[in-house]
Amino acid sequence: MPYATVQGTELFYRDHGTGRPLLLVHGWATSSRVWEAQFADLATDHRVIALDCRGCGRSDRPDDGHTMAGNVADLLGLVEALDLPSPVLVGSSIGATFALAAAAAAPERVGGVVSVDGPGHWPGTGMAAELQAVAARLASDRATAVREWVPTWYGTAVGPELHERTLAQILDSSPAVDNLFPQAAGYDPRPLLPALDLPAAFLHGDQETQIPLAVSRTLAGLARHGSLHVVEGSGHMPHEEQPAAFNQLLRAVVRDMSARVAA
């Protein structure tokens, strides 16, 4: 199994296919397994890479580094370790936050960024109290808290099987990843986006209950080369809930990014 040593931490990653590299970044406490449908499809004409973030999946589980800066450094470190040429960073949930921050920090090493139901500025401006309550419940009884919260992520098209699969990944992760909640609440990408000279696409499920569509609309409007795309019939995890529609949309978005760069 492939591992890369980044910042002294062994990060597991999957790497399949050839073509324009897409680096997929999962959300809080899950793993690269959330991208199964993307590997099955997109690797036919793209190089698809997905990592397990520190503390998650098959990666190392150090007690430190569970910060915005730590995860951004991990992401850019993997880009360097694999010598990826201008990858498109595709991040889900807080993974979108890492992707945006990485693109802003090192635009010369990135070819574009795709935010999939990313929280943007919402954790600090619209759901701070809710995140504090979730963090308190996680500290008290992690299993119960996750079991109550995870089903609210999804739209009506999926049922308990996907909920349970996600729950298992989260409960397998290190509780140290919960330190990301206050980090997310203190992050606001809005000031960075007007200066980001990279294509930035914002994908958002129309049944999302965690992050309002207005957040992605605002970020797309601020981005210098931004675009907004709505995935119908999906909640917070469109890549799992509506994989065929998501993959078709992502292909089109990446194709448009390549055309913009060529122009």
Protein backbone atom coordinates (compact mmCIF):
# COMPACT_ATOMS: atom_id res chain seq x y z
CA MET A 1 0.00 0.00 0.00
CA PRO A 2 1.39 3.45 -0.90
CA TYR A 3 2.42 5.85 1.85
CA ALA A 4 4.19 9.20 1.72
CA THR A 5 6.13 10.63 4.64
CA VAL A 6 4.99 14.23 5.08
CA GLN A 7 5.98 16.34 8.09
CA GLY A 8 7.22 13.16 9.77
CA THR A 9 3.80 11.51 9.37
CA GLU A 10 3.00 8.50 7.19
CA LEU A 11 0.04 9.44 5.01
CA PHE A 12 -1.77 6.72 3.12
CA TYR A 13 -2.94 7.57 -0.38
CA ARG A 14 -4.55 5.90 -3.37
CA ASP A 15 -3.31 6.69 -6.87
CA HIS A 16 -5.01 5.33 -9.98
CA GLY A 17 -5.32 6.25 -13.64
CA THR A 18 -3.46 8.65 -15.91
CA GLY A 19 -4.17 12.13 -17.19
CA ARG A 20 -4.90 15.44 -15.48
CA PRO A 21 -4.28 14.83 -11.75
CA LEU A 22 -7.19 15.25 -9.36
CA LEU A 23 -6.23 15.24 -5.68
CA LEU A 24 -9.30 14.38 -3.60
CA VAL A 25 -9.48 15.51 0.03
CA HIS A 26 -12.13 14.01 2.33
CA GLY A 27 -13.92 15.83 5.13
CA TRP A 28 -13.72 15.61 8.91
CA ALA A 29 -12.91 12.18 10.35
CA THR A 30 -13.78 10.14 7.24
CA SER A 31 -11.23 8.77 4.76
CA SER A 32 -10.41 8.28 1.09
CA ARG A 33 -13.16 5.63 1.04
CA VAL A 34 -15.75 8.37 0.50
CA TRP A 35 -14.36 8.73 -3.05
CA GLU A 36 -14.95 5.12 -4.18
CA ALA A 37 -17.36 6.14 -6.95
CA GLN A 38 -14.87 8.69 -8.26
CA PHE A 39 -12.06 6.13 -8.52
CA ALA A 40 -14.38 3.74 -10.35
CA ASP A 41 -15.25 6.36 -12.97
CA LEU A 42 -12.82 9.27 -13.16
CA ALA A 43 -9.66 7.14 -13.16
CA THR A 44 -10.54 6.04 -16.69
CA ASP A 45 -9.36 9.41 -18.02
CA HIS A 46 -7.72 11.21 -15.08
CA ARG A 47 -5.03 10.46 -12.56
CA VAL A 48 -7.05 10.26 -9.35
CA ILE A 49 -5.26 10.55 -6.02
CA ALA A 50 -6.94 10.55 -2.63
CA LEU A 51 -5.26 10.68 0.75
CA ASP A 52 -6.29 9.68 4.22
CA CYS A 53 -5.70 12.82 6.26
CA ARG A 54 -3.65 12.48 9.43
CA GLY A 55 -5.62 10.73 12.13
CA CYS A 56 -7.95 9.11 9.60
CA GLY A 57 -8.22 5.86 7.67
CA ARG A 58 -4.89 4.13 7.18
CA SER A 59 -2.68 7.15 7.88
CA ASP A 60 -0.66 7.70 11.05
CA ARG A 61 -2.47 9.05 14.11
CA PRO A 62 -0.21 11.55 15.81
CA ASP A 63 -1.63 13.74 18.55
CA ASP A 64 -0.35 16.90 16.88
CA GLY A 65 -0.87 18.64 13.56
CA HIS A 66 -4.67 18.66 13.67
CA THR A 67 -4.87 22.29 12.63
CA MET A 68 -5.67 24.19 9.48
CA ALA A 69 -1.97 24.90 8.91
CA GLY A 70 -1.01 21.30 9.62
CA ASN A 71 -3.47 19.82 7.13
CA VAL A 72 -2.64 22.39 4.46
CA ALA A 73 1.06 21.55 4.88
CA ASP A 74 0.20 17.84 4.59
CA LEU A 75 -1.72 18.47 1.37
CA LEU A 76 1.02 20.53 -0.25
CA GLY A 77 3.63 18.08 1.04
CA LEU A 78 1.86 15.24 -0.75
CA VAL A 79 1.71 17.30 -3.96
CA GLU A 80 5.49 17.71 -3.69
CA ALA A 81 6.19 14.10 -2.68
CA LEU A 82 4.25 12.75 -5.66
CA ASP A 83 5.55 15.51 -7.96
CA LEU A 84 2.03 16.23 -9.18
CA PRO A 85 1.91 18.68 -12.10
CA SER A 86 -0.70 21.38 -11.42
CA PRO A 87 -3.27 19.12 -9.73
CA VAL A 88 -6.86 20.16 -9.29
CA LEU A 89 -7.57 20.02 -5.54
CA VAL A 90 -11.07 18.63 -4.89
CA GLY A 91 -12.10 18.98 -1.26
CA SER A 92 -15.26 17.87 0.53
CA SER A 93 -16.55 19.75 3.59
CA ILE A 94 -13.56 20.85 5.69
CA GLY A 95 -11.39 19.20 3.03
CA ALA A 96 -12.60 22.03 0.77
CA THR A 97 -11.29 24.48 3.34
CA PHE A 98 -7.89 22.77 3.24
CA ALA A 99 -7.93 22.83 -0.57
CA LEU A 100 -8.79 26.53 -0.78
CA ALA A 101 -6.16 27.43 1.81
CA ALA A 102 -3.53 25.33 0.02
CA ALA A 103 -4.33 26.95 -3.33
CA ALA A 104 -4.08 30.41 -1.76
CA ALA A 105 -0.79 29.53 -0.04
CA ALA A 106 0.91 27.99 -3.09
CA PRO A 107 -0.97 28.86 -6.32
CA GLU A 108 2.10 28.05 -8.40
CA ARG A 109 1.79 24.37 -7.39
CA VAL A 110 -1.95 24.04 -8.03
CA GLY A 111 -4.00 24.00 -11.24
CA GLY A 112 -7.41 24.72 -9.77
CA VAL A 113 -9.60 24.06 -6.77
CA VAL A 114 -13.05 22.50 -6.38
CA SER A 115 -15.03 23.04 -3.17
CA VAL A 116 -17.67 20.38 -2.52
CA ASP A 117 -20.14 21.72 0.05
CA GLY A 118 -17.30 23.56 1.73
CA PRO A 119 -18.11 25.44 4.93
CA GLY A 120 -16.25 28.61 3.95
CA HIS A 121 -16.92 31.33 6.50
CA TRP A 122 -20.07 29.66 7.87
CA PRO A 123 -18.51 27.88 10.91
CA GLY A 124 -17.55 31.22 12.42
CA THR A 125 -20.51 33.30 11.28
CA GLY A 126 -23.56 31.04 11.16
CA MET A 127 -23.00 27.81 13.07
CA ALA A 128 -20.52 28.62 15.83
CA ALA A 129 -22.97 27.70 18.59
CA GLU A 130 -23.92 24.46 16.83
CA LEU A 131 -20.28 23.45 16.38
CA GLN A 132 -19.57 24.15 20.04
CA ALA A 133 -22.50 21.93 21.00
CA VAL A 134 -21.32 19.15 18.64
CA ALA A 135 -17.79 19.36 20.05
CA ALA A 136 -19.15 19.08 23.60
CA ARG A 137 -21.25 16.04 22.68
CA LEU A 138 -18.28 14.41 20.96
CA ALA A 139 -16.15 14.90 24.06
CA SER A 140 -18.87 13.39 26.24
CA ASP A 141 -20.06 10.45 24.12
CA ARG A 142 -18.46 10.36 20.69
CA ALA A 143 -20.36 7.33 19.36
CA THR A 144 -23.79 8.66 20.26
CA ALA A 145 -22.99 12.16 19.02
CA VAL A 146 -21.82 10.89 15.65
CA ARG A 147 -24.76 8.52 15.28
CA GLU A 148 -27.18 11.42 15.83
CA TRP A 149 -25.34 13.90 13.61
CA VAL A 150 -24.29 11.91 10.53
CA PRO A 151 -27.81 11.21 9.14
CA THR A 152 -28.45 14.96 8.98
CA TRP A 153 -25.63 15.30 6.47
CA TYR A 154 -27.47 13.44 3.74
CA GLY A 155 -30.37 14.14 1.45
CA THR A 156 -33.41 11.97 0.92
CA ALA A 157 -31.88 9.78 -1.81
CA VAL A 158 -29.75 7.71 0.58
CA GLY A 159 -30.55 5.55 3.55
CA PRO A 160 -29.05 3.87 6.60
CA GLU A 161 -26.42 1.84 4.73
CA LEU A 162 -24.46 4.95 3.72
CA HIS A 163 -25.02 6.49 7.15
CA GLU A 164 -23.51 3.40 8.79
CA ARG A 165 -20.54 3.35 6.42
CA THR A 166 -19.75 6.96 7.26
CA LEU A 167 -20.28 6.34 10.98
CA ALA A 168 -17.79 3.46 10.92
CA GLN A 169 -15.10 5.65 9.31
CA ILE A 170 -15.59 8.42 11.83
CA LEU A 171 -15.51 6.13 14.86
CA ASP A 172 -12.33 4.58 13.47
CA SER A 173 -10.61 7.97 13.29
CA SER A 174 -8.53 9.51 16.05
CA PRO A 175 -10.50 11.77 18.43
CA ALA A 176 -7.66 14.25 17.94
CA VAL A 177 -9.25 15.26 14.61
CA ASP A 178 -12.04 16.90 16.63
CA ASN A 179 -9.55 19.71 17.32
CA LEU A 180 -10.39 20.93 13.82
CA PHE A 181 -13.76 22.33 14.93
CA PRO A 182 -12.42 25.49 16.62
CA GLN A 183 -9.93 25.82 13.76
CA ALA A 184 -12.75 25.86 11.21
CA ALA A 185 -14.66 28.42 13.24
CA GLY A 186 -11.70 30.78 13.04
CA TYR A 187 -11.18 30.53 9.29
CA ASP A 188 -12.65 32.85 6.68
CA PRO A 189 -11.55 32.48 3.03
CA ARG A 190 -13.46 35.50 1.77
CA PRO A 191 -10.55 37.96 1.94
CA LEU A 192 -8.30 35.55 0.00
CA LEU A 193 -10.53 34.72 -2.94
CA PRO A 194 -10.41 37.96 -4.98
CA ALA A 195 -6.64 37.59 -5.32
CA LEU A 196 -6.66 33.86 -6.13
CA ASP A 197 -5.59 33.69 -9.77
CA LEU A 198 -6.79 30.11 -10.24
CA PRO A 199 -10.08 28.58 -11.41
CA ALA A 200 -12.26 27.88 -8.37
CA ALA A 201 -15.50 25.92 -8.66
CA PHE A 202 -18.03 25.58 -5.86
CA LEU A 203 -20.30 22.52 -5.95
CA HIS A 204 -23.23 22.38 -3.54
CA GLY A 205 -26.05 19.92 -2.88
CA ASP A 206 -29.54 21.39 -3.15
CA GLN A 207 -30.67 19.39 -0.08
CA GLU A 208 -27.73 20.51 2.05
CA THR A 209 -28.80 21.26 5.63
CA GLN A 210 -25.40 21.96 7.20
CA ILE A 211 -24.06 24.75 4.97
CA PRO A 212 -26.45 27.16 3.16
CA LEU A 213 -26.15 27.35 -0.61
CA ALA A 214 -25.67 31.09 -0.13
CA VAL A 215 -22.21 30.37 1.31
CA SER A 216 -20.96 28.71 -1.89
CA ARG A 217 -22.71 31.38 -3.96
CA THR A 218 -20.90 34.11 -2.02
CA LEU A 219 -17.51 32.41 -2.35
CA ALA A 220 -17.99 31.80 -6.07
CA GLY A 221 -18.88 35.45 -6.53
CA LEU A 222 -15.78 36.61 -4.68
CA ALA A 223 -13.38 34.28 -6.46
CA ARG A 224 -11.53 35.88 -9.34
CA HIS A 225 -12.31 32.88 -11.56
CA GLY A 226 -15.20 31.40 -9.61
CA SER A 227 -18.22 29.36 -10.64
CA LEU A 228 -21.19 27.86 -8.77
CA HIS A 229 -22.77 24.47 -9.55
CA VAL A 230 -25.74 22.89 -7.77
CA VAL A 231 -26.05 19.11 -7.46
CA GLU A 232 -29.73 18.19 -7.39
CA GLY A 233 -31.03 15.56 -5.00
CA SER A 234 -27.99 15.75 -2.74
CA GLY A 235 -27.11 16.89 0.74
CA HIS A 236 -23.63 17.46 2.17
CA MET A 237 -21.91 14.56 0.35
CA PRO A 238 -22.90 14.72 -3.35
CA HIS A 239 -19.96 12.59 -4.46
CA GLU A 240 -21.52 9.70 -2.51
CA GLU A 241 -25.20 10.57 -2.83
CA GLN A 242 -25.38 11.35 -6.55
CA PRO A 243 -22.10 9.94 -7.88
CA ALA A 244 -23.03 9.76 -11.57
CA ALA A 245 -24.25 13.36 -11.68
CA PHE A 246 -21.34 14.50 -9.54
CA ASN A 247 -18.72 12.79 -11.72
CA GLN A 248 -20.25 14.23 -14.88
CA LEU A 249 -20.22 17.70 -13.35
CA LEU A 250 -16.68 17.38 -12.03
CA ARG A 251 -15.44 16.28 -15.45
CA ALA A 252 -17.06 19.32 -17.03
CA VAL A 253 -15.63 21.64 -14.39
CA VAL A 254 -12.10 20.27 -14.81
CA ARG A 255 -12.42 20.45 -18.59
CA ASP A 256 -13.43 24.10 -18.28
CA MET A 257 -10.48 24.75 -15.98
CA SER A 258 -8.10 23.26 -18.55
CA ALA A 259 -9.63 25.40 -21.29
CA ARG A 260 -9.24 28.55 -19.21
CA VAL A 261 -5.60 27.79 -18.51
CA ALA A 262 -4.94 27.08 -22.19
CA ALA A 263 -6.62 30.35 -23.16
